[in-house]
C-alpha atoms as a PDB file:
ATOM      1  CA  MET A   1     -49.766  67.672  43.440  1.00  0.00           C
ATOM      2  CA  ARG A   2     -50.135  66.950  39.905  1.00  0.00           C
ATOM      3  CA  TYR A   3     -53.119  67.601  37.574  1.00  0.00           C
ATOM      4  CA  ILE A   4     -53.794  66.748  34.363  1.00  0.00           C
ATOM      5  CA  VAL A   5     -56.352  68.276  31.692  1.00  0.00           C
ATOM      6  CA  CYS A   6     -57.093  65.726  29.301  1.00  0.00           C
ATOM      7  CA  TYR A   7     -59.623  67.328  25.833  1.00  0.00           C
ATOM      8  CA  VAL A   8     -60.805  65.607  22.721  1.00  0.00           C
ATOM      9  CA  GLU A   9     -61.444  67.752  19.893  1.00  0.00           C
ATOM     10  CA  GLU A  10     -64.636  67.270  17.876  1.00  0.00           C
ATOM     11  CA  PRO A  11     -64.154  64.427  15.675  1.00  0.00           C
ATOM     12  CA  GLU A  12     -64.397  65.275  11.735  1.00  0.00           C
ATOM     13  CA  LYS A  13     -67.493  65.148   9.899  1.00  0.00           C
ATOM     14  CA  ASP A  14     -66.661  61.758   8.357  1.00  0.00           C
ATOM     15  CA  SER A  15     -64.748  59.720  11.006  1.00  0.00           C
ATOM     16  CA  ASP A  16     -65.530  58.760  13.966  1.00  0.00           C
ATOM     17  CA  ILE A  17     -62.292  58.664  15.536  1.00  0.00           C
ATOM     18  CA  LEU A  18     -61.337  60.617  18.617  1.00  0.00           C
ATOM     19  CA  GLU A  19     -58.152  61.522  19.704  1.00  0.00           C
ATOM     20  CA  VAL A  20     -57.661  61.735  23.649  1.00  0.00           C
ATOM     21  CA  LYS A  21     -55.116  65.197  23.985  1.00  0.00           C
ATOM     22  CA  ARG A  22     -53.179  65.995  27.388  1.00  0.00           C
ATOM     23  CA  GLU A  23     -51.379  68.398  29.663  1.00  0.00           C
ATOM     24  CA  ASN A  24     -50.003  67.957  32.794  1.00  0.00           C
ATOM     25  CA  PHE A  25     -49.321  70.444  35.542  1.00  0.00           C
ATOM     26  CA  GLU A  26     -47.583  71.729  39.193  1.00  0.00           C
ATOM     27  CA  ASP A  27     -49.238  74.436  39.911  1.00  0.00           C
ATOM     28  CA  PHE A  28     -53.409  74.183  39.889  1.00  0.00           C
ATOM     29  CA  ALA A  29     -54.429  77.149  39.370  1.00  0.00           C
ATOM     30  CA  HIS A  30     -52.128  77.035  35.415  1.00  0.00           C
ATOM     31  CA  ALA A  31     -54.231  73.404  35.545  1.00  0.00           C
ATOM     32  CA  VAL A  32     -57.431  75.716  35.880  1.00  0.00           C
ATOM     33  CA  GLU A  33     -56.683  78.514  33.496  1.00  0.00           C
ATOM     34  CA  LYS A  34     -55.459  75.788  30.666  1.00  0.00           C
ATOM     35  CA  TYR A  35     -58.984  74.076  31.527  1.00  0.00           C
ATOM     36  CA  THR A  36     -60.847  77.427  31.560  1.00  0.00           C
ATOM     37  CA  LEU A  37     -59.535  78.489  28.188  1.00  0.00           C
ATOM     38  CA  LEU A  38     -60.562  74.912  26.481  1.00  0.00           C
ATOM     39  CA  CYS A  39     -64.416  74.711  27.794  1.00  0.00           C
ATOM     40  CA  GLY A  40     -64.083  77.892  25.544  1.00  0.00           C
ATOM     41  CA  CYS A  41     -63.108  75.943  22.612  1.00  0.00           C
ATOM     42  CA  THR A  42     -65.433  73.776  19.874  1.00  0.00           C
ATOM     43  CA  LEU A  43     -64.283  70.440  22.518  1.00  0.00           C
ATOM     44  CA  ALA A  44     -65.845  67.612  22.296  1.00  0.00           C
ATOM     45  CA  SER A  45     -64.841  67.609  26.762  1.00  0.00           C
ATOM     46  CA  VAL A  46     -62.762  69.239  29.029  1.00  0.00           C
ATOM     47  CA  VAL A  47     -61.688  67.012  32.080  1.00  0.00           C
ATOM     48  CA  LEU A  48     -59.289  68.349  35.265  1.00  0.00           C
ATOM     49  CA  ALA A  49     -58.400  65.922  37.611  1.00  0.00           C
ATOM     50  CA  ASP A  50     -55.752  65.480  40.454  1.00  0.00           C
ATOM     51  CA  VAL A  51     -53.263  62.851  39.729  1.00  0.00           C
ATOM     52  CA  GLU A  52     -51.855  61.407  42.368  1.00  0.00           C
ATOM     53  CA  THR A  53     -55.660  60.604  43.376  1.00  0.00           C
ATOM     54  CA  GLY A  54     -57.161  59.253  40.209  1.00  0.00           C
ATOM     55  CA  LYS A  55     -60.688  61.551  41.637  1.00  0.00           C
ATOM     56  CA  ILE A  56     -62.168  64.066  38.678  1.00  0.00           C
ATOM     57  CA  ILE A  57     -62.080  67.600  40.045  1.00  0.00           C
ATOM     58  CA  LYS A  58     -64.302  69.653  37.227  1.00  0.00           C
ATOM     59  CA  GLN A  59     -65.750  67.877  34.358  1.00  0.00           C
ATOM     60  CA  TYR A  60     -67.182  69.297  30.968  1.00  0.00           C
ATOM     61  CA  TYR A  61     -68.739  67.599  28.221  1.00  0.00           C
ATOM     62  CA  LYS A  62     -70.952  68.320  24.973  1.00  0.00           C
ATOM     63  CA  ASP A  63     -73.618  66.208  24.271  1.00  0.00           C
ATOM     64  CA  ASP A  64     -73.547  65.249  20.390  1.00  0.00           C
ATOM     65  CA  VAL A  65     -77.417  64.776  20.076  1.00  0.00           C
ATOM     66  CA  THR A  66     -78.839  67.446  21.808  1.00  0.00           C
ATOM     67  CA  GLY A  67     -76.309  69.917  21.826  1.00  0.00           C
ATOM     68  CA  SER A  68     -76.581  70.229  25.798  1.00  0.00           C
ATOM     69  CA  VAL A  69     -73.568  71.305  27.152  1.00  0.00           C
ATOM     70  CA  ILE A  70     -72.562  69.282  31.139  1.00  0.00           C
ATOM     71  CA  ILE A  71     -70.749  70.641  33.122  1.00  0.00           C
ATOM     72  CA  SER A  72     -69.707  68.815  36.558  1.00  0.00           C
END
């Protein structure tokens, strides 16, 4: 199986442009490690997904309005 970690950094204060970055992994443990490290950073969103099925395994999202962190 192959896994992908996608993430969006917080946009600059004067910009609304978001850039999605991604990394591919063959090893699930490495993908989880990268996902975990990114969730500890100041990122707007991080997603860990299975490339073959297209299913999201884990998602981290920071709500800009409330400041809440949502992990599903």
